[in-house]
């Protein structure tokens, strides 16, 4: 209900993630960068808390790590030091890392074996993705 160009009555479908979340690529975000970014976001919250209507989600006491995406090891190191990451988060992180491995393995196999292109390739990948996750006993979420 809030965001760029969202007026009254505008309906938008999209992904929602618990905060804090910042996405980076492994080749460009090293452990030190992820650690320091997590620390700055967490510790300087009072300085930016009123920046946007949704910034409240970054409040350290509202940190919510229950997501399907794994956290960067550098960020995890900081969150453990800050006392907001414990055994439940470690368990979830292990599950998410396993999920990423299942998806990566399925993606590599799909790219190698699929002869489809364009929309057909995407449709076939969706089926392969769902099949791989279900075979691993994991929720597919979006089919």
C-alpha atoms as a PDB file:
ATOM      1  CA  UNK A   1       0.000   0.000   0.000  1.00  0.00           C
ATOM      2  CA  UNK A   2       2.941   2.348  -0.052  1.00  0.00           C
ATOM      3  CA  UNK A   3       5.651   2.842  -2.626  1.00  0.00           C
ATOM      4  CA  UNK A   4       6.568   4.823  -5.697  1.00  0.00           C
ATOM      5  CA  UNK A   5       3.503   5.784  -7.800  1.00  0.00           C
ATOM      6  CA  UNK A   6       1.039   3.847  -5.649  1.00  0.00           C
ATOM      7  CA  UNK A   7      -2.122   5.858  -5.406  1.00  0.00           C
ATOM      8  CA  UNK A   8      -5.423   5.076  -3.756  1.00  0.00           C
ATOM      9  CA  UNK A   9      -6.970   1.941  -5.219  1.00  0.00           C
ATOM     10  CA  UNK A  10      -3.811   0.852  -7.069  1.00  0.00           C
ATOM     11  CA  UNK A  11      -3.289  -2.895  -6.837  1.00  0.00           C
ATOM     12  CA  UNK A  12       0.178  -4.320  -7.290  1.00  0.00           C
ATOM     13  CA  UNK A  13       1.280  -7.938  -7.095  1.00  0.00           C
ATOM     14  CA  UNK A  14       4.823  -8.508  -5.958  1.00  0.00           C
ATOM     15  CA  UNK A  15       7.132 -10.235  -3.546  1.00  0.00           C
ATOM     16  CA  UNK A  16       7.296  -9.222   0.080  1.00  0.00           C
ATOM     17  CA  UNK A  17      10.294  -9.847   2.278  1.00  0.00           C
ATOM     18  CA  UNK A  18      10.829  -9.368   5.966  1.00  0.00           C
ATOM     19  CA  UNK A  19      13.325  -6.632   6.770  1.00  0.00           C
ATOM     20  CA  UNK A  20      16.238  -6.245   6.934  1.00  0.00           C
ATOM     21  CA  UNK A  21      16.999  -7.447   3.434  1.00  0.00           C
ATOM     22  CA  UNK A  22      19.528  -6.215   0.926  1.00  0.00           C
ATOM     23  CA  UNK A  23      20.412  -8.429  -1.993  1.00  0.00           C
ATOM     24  CA  UNK A  24      23.935  -8.663  -3.376  1.00  0.00           C
ATOM     25  CA  UNK A  25      25.900 -10.970  -5.613  1.00  0.00           C
ATOM     26  CA  UNK A  26      28.559 -13.247  -4.085  1.00  0.00           C
ATOM     27  CA  UNK A  27      31.185 -11.947  -6.507  1.00  0.00           C
ATOM     28  CA  UNK A  28      30.657  -8.333  -5.425  1.00  0.00           C
ATOM     29  CA  UNK A  29      29.789  -8.524  -1.715  1.00  0.00           C
ATOM     30  CA  UNK A  30      32.517  -9.977   0.471  1.00  0.00           C
ATOM     31  CA  UNK A  31      32.225 -10.885   4.162  1.00  0.00           C
ATOM     32  CA  UNK A  32      33.624  -7.567   5.370  1.00  0.00           C
ATOM     33  CA  UNK A  33      31.209  -5.529   3.245  1.00  0.00           C
ATOM     34  CA  UNK A  34      28.182  -7.572   4.320  1.00  0.00           C
ATOM     35  CA  UNK A  35      29.239  -7.398   7.977  1.00  0.00           C
ATOM     36  CA  UNK A  36      29.704  -3.627   7.884  1.00  0.00           C
ATOM     37  CA  UNK A  37      26.507  -2.999   5.938  1.00  0.00           C
ATOM     38  CA  UNK A  38      24.478  -5.043   8.432  1.00  0.00           C
ATOM     39  CA  UNK A  39      26.159  -3.187  11.289  1.00  0.00           C
ATOM     40  CA  UNK A  40      25.502   0.270   9.830  1.00  0.00           C
ATOM     41  CA  UNK A  41      21.861  -0.522   9.069  1.00  0.00           C
ATOM     42  CA  UNK A  42      21.353  -1.923  12.550  1.00  0.00           C
ATOM     43  CA  UNK A  43      23.285   0.609  14.609  1.00  0.00           C
ATOM     44  CA  UNK A  44      22.419   3.804  12.733  1.00  0.00           C
ATOM     45  CA  UNK A  45      18.687   3.139  12.595  1.00  0.00           C
ATOM     46  CA  UNK A  46      17.861   6.233  14.696  1.00  0.00           C
ATOM     47  CA  UNK A  47      19.515   8.414  12.036  1.00  0.00           C
ATOM     48  CA  UNK A  48      17.309   7.208   9.152  1.00  0.00           C
ATOM     49  CA  UNK A  49      14.195   5.817  10.846  1.00  0.00           C
ATOM     50  CA  UNK A  50      11.905   8.509   9.416  1.00  0.00           C
ATOM     51  CA  UNK A  51      13.250   8.377   5.848  1.00  0.00           C
ATOM     52  CA  UNK A  52      10.312   6.428   4.370  1.00  0.00           C
ATOM     53  CA  UNK A  53       6.996   4.964   5.567  1.00  0.00           C
ATOM     54  CA  UNK A  54       8.450   1.424   5.460  1.00  0.00           C
ATOM     55  CA  UNK A  55      11.781   2.167   7.147  1.00  0.00           C
ATOM     56  CA  UNK A  56      10.291   1.083  10.469  1.00  0.00           C
ATOM     57  CA  UNK A  57      10.948  -2.486   9.326  1.00  0.00           C
ATOM     58  CA  UNK A  58      14.662  -1.901   9.812  1.00  0.00           C
ATOM     59  CA  UNK A  59      14.249  -1.178  13.530  1.00  0.00           C
ATOM     60  CA  UNK A  60      16.672  -3.564  15.269  1.00  0.00           C
ATOM     61  CA  UNK A  61      14.005  -4.892  17.623  1.00  0.00           C
ATOM     62  CA  UNK A  62      11.813  -5.737  14.620  1.00  0.00           C
ATOM     63  CA  UNK A  63      14.506  -7.733  12.784  1.00  0.00           C
ATOM     64  CA  UNK A  64      12.842 -10.727  11.181  1.00  0.00           C
ATOM     65  CA  UNK A  65      15.073 -13.417   9.690  1.00  0.00           C
ATOM     66  CA  UNK A  66      12.371 -15.947   8.773  1.00  0.00           C
ATOM     67  CA  UNK A  67      12.661 -15.913   4.997  1.00  0.00           C
ATOM     68  CA  UNK A  68      13.389 -18.369   2.189  1.00  0.00           C
ATOM     69  CA  UNK A  69      16.602 -16.587   1.262  1.00  0.00           C
ATOM     70  CA  UNK A  70      19.890 -17.265   3.031  1.00  0.00           C
ATOM     71  CA  UNK A  71      21.772 -14.427   4.671  1.00  0.00           C
ATOM     72  CA  UNK A  72      25.350 -13.556   3.777  1.00  0.00           C
ATOM     73  CA  UNK A  73      27.908 -15.075   6.190  1.00  0.00           C
ATOM     74  CA  UNK A  74      29.278 -11.596   6.913  1.00  0.00           C
ATOM     75  CA  UNK A  75      25.826 -10.335   7.921  1.00  0.00           C
ATOM     76  CA  UNK A  76      25.229 -13.449  10.024  1.00  0.00           C
ATOM     77  CA  UNK A  77      28.498 -12.777  11.872  1.00  0.00           C
ATOM     78  CA  UNK A  78      27.322  -9.278  12.761  1.00  0.00           C
ATOM     79  CA  UNK A  79      23.810 -10.372  13.779  1.00  0.00           C
ATOM     80  CA  UNK A  80      25.301 -13.020  16.092  1.00  0.00           C
ATOM     81  CA  UNK A  81      27.573 -10.415  17.688  1.00  0.00           C
ATOM     82  CA  UNK A  82      24.570  -8.097  18.094  1.00  0.00           C
ATOM     83  CA  UNK A  83      22.660 -10.879  19.853  1.00  0.00           C
ATOM     84  CA  UNK A  84      19.757 -11.010  17.397  1.00  0.00           C
ATOM     85  CA  UNK A  85      20.721 -14.299  15.694  1.00  0.00           C
ATOM     86  CA  UNK A  86      20.469 -17.599  17.533  1.00  0.00           C
ATOM     87  CA  UNK A  87      19.903 -21.312  17.086  1.00  0.00           C
ATOM     88  CA  UNK A  88      16.557 -20.910  15.287  1.00  0.00           C
ATOM     89  CA  UNK A  89      18.146 -18.581  12.747  1.00  0.00           C
ATOM     90  CA  UNK A  90      21.074 -20.995  12.277  1.00  0.00           C
ATOM     91  CA  UNK A  91      18.602 -23.794  11.557  1.00  0.00           C
ATOM     92  CA  UNK A  92      16.684 -21.662   9.072  1.00  0.00           C
ATOM     93  CA  UNK A  93      19.921 -20.549   7.405  1.00  0.00           C
ATOM     94  CA  UNK A  94      20.989 -24.200   6.937  1.00  0.00           C
ATOM     95  CA  UNK A  95      17.601 -24.989   5.374  1.00  0.00           C
ATOM     96  CA  UNK A  96      17.880 -21.987   3.062  1.00  0.00           C
ATOM     97  CA  UNK A  97      21.410 -22.909   1.994  1.00  0.00           C
ATOM     98  CA  UNK A  98      20.201 -26.429   1.197  1.00  0.00           C
ATOM     99  CA  UNK A  99      17.333 -24.936  -0.808  1.00  0.00           C
ATOM    100  CA  UNK A 100      19.763 -22.814  -2.816  1.00  0.00           C
ATOM    101  CA  UNK A 101      21.851 -25.901  -3.593  1.00  0.00           C
ATOM    102  CA  UNK A 102      18.759 -27.786  -4.783  1.00  0.00           C
ATOM    103  CA  UNK A 103      17.787 -24.863  -7.007  1.00  0.00           C
ATOM    104  CA  UNK A 104      21.313 -24.390  -8.390  1.00  0.00           C
ATOM    105  CA  UNK A 105      21.613 -28.092  -9.218  1.00  0.00           C
ATOM    106  CA  UNK A 106      18.192 -28.084 -10.902  1.00  0.00           C
ATOM    107  CA  UNK A 107      19.022 -24.892 -12.831  1.00  0.00           C
ATOM    108  CA  UNK A 108      22.321 -26.279 -14.118  1.00  0.00           C
ATOM    109  CA  UNK A 109      20.609 -29.491 -15.245  1.00  0.00           C
ATOM    110  CA  UNK A 110      17.774 -27.568 -16.879  1.00  0.00           C
ATOM    111  CA  UNK A 111      20.102 -25.244 -18.801  1.00  0.00           C
ATOM    112  CA  UNK A 112      22.091 -28.235 -20.027  1.00  0.00           C
ATOM    113  CA  UNK A 113      19.162 -30.417 -21.076  1.00  0.00           C
ATOM    114  CA  UNK A 114      16.416 -28.039 -22.197  1.00  0.00           C
ATOM    115  CA  UNK A 115      16.065 -27.365 -25.919  1.00  0.00           C
ATOM    116  CA  UNK A 116      13.305 -24.819 -25.323  1.00  0.00           C
ATOM    117  CA  UNK A 117      13.756 -21.062 -25.728  1.00  0.00           C
ATOM    118  CA  UNK A 118      11.928 -17.950 -24.580  1.00  0.00           C
ATOM    119  CA  UNK A 119       8.575 -18.489 -22.895  1.00  0.00           C
ATOM    120  CA  UNK A 120       8.812 -22.243 -23.368  1.00  0.00           C
ATOM    121  CA  UNK A 121      12.184 -22.305 -21.569  1.00  0.00           C
ATOM    122  CA  UNK A 122      10.724 -20.323 -18.647  1.00  0.00           C
ATOM    123  CA  UNK A 123       7.678 -22.572 -18.448  1.00  0.00           C
ATOM    124  CA  UNK A 124       9.854 -25.682 -18.510  1.00  0.00           C
ATOM    125  CA  UNK A 125      12.127 -24.190 -15.837  1.00  0.00           C
ATOM    126  CA  UNK A 126       9.129 -23.499 -13.603  1.00  0.00           C
ATOM    127  CA  UNK A 127       8.137 -27.166 -13.841  1.00  0.00           C
ATOM    128  CA  UNK A 128      11.718 -28.357 -13.275  1.00  0.00           C
ATOM    129  CA  UNK A 129      12.103 -26.015 -10.304  1.00  0.00           C
ATOM    130  CA  UNK A 130       8.911 -27.200  -8.643  1.00  0.00           C
ATOM    131  CA  UNK A 131       9.801 -30.853  -9.271  1.00  0.00           C
ATOM    132  CA  UNK A 132      13.294 -30.439  -7.798  1.00  0.00           C
ATOM    133  CA  UNK A 133      12.028 -28.690  -4.677  1.00  0.00           C
ATOM    134  CA  UNK A 134       9.266 -31.220  -4.094  1.00  0.00           C
ATOM    135  CA  UNK A 135      11.691 -34.120  -4.651  1.00  0.00           C
ATOM    136  CA  UNK A 136      13.860 -32.606  -1.927  1.00  0.00           C
ATOM    137  CA  UNK A 137      10.833 -32.330   0.385  1.00  0.00           C
ATOM    138  CA  UNK A 138      10.727 -28.550   0.141  1.00  0.00           C
ATOM    139  CA  UNK A 139       7.888 -26.107  -0.442  1.00  0.00           C
ATOM    140  CA  UNK A 140       7.791 -24.696  -3.986  1.00  0.00           C
ATOM    141  CA  UNK A 141       5.794 -21.576  -2.917  1.00  0.00           C
ATOM    142  CA  UNK A 142       5.145 -20.371  -6.470  1.00  0.00           C
ATOM    143  CA  UNK A 143       4.082 -22.924  -9.028  1.00  0.00           C
END
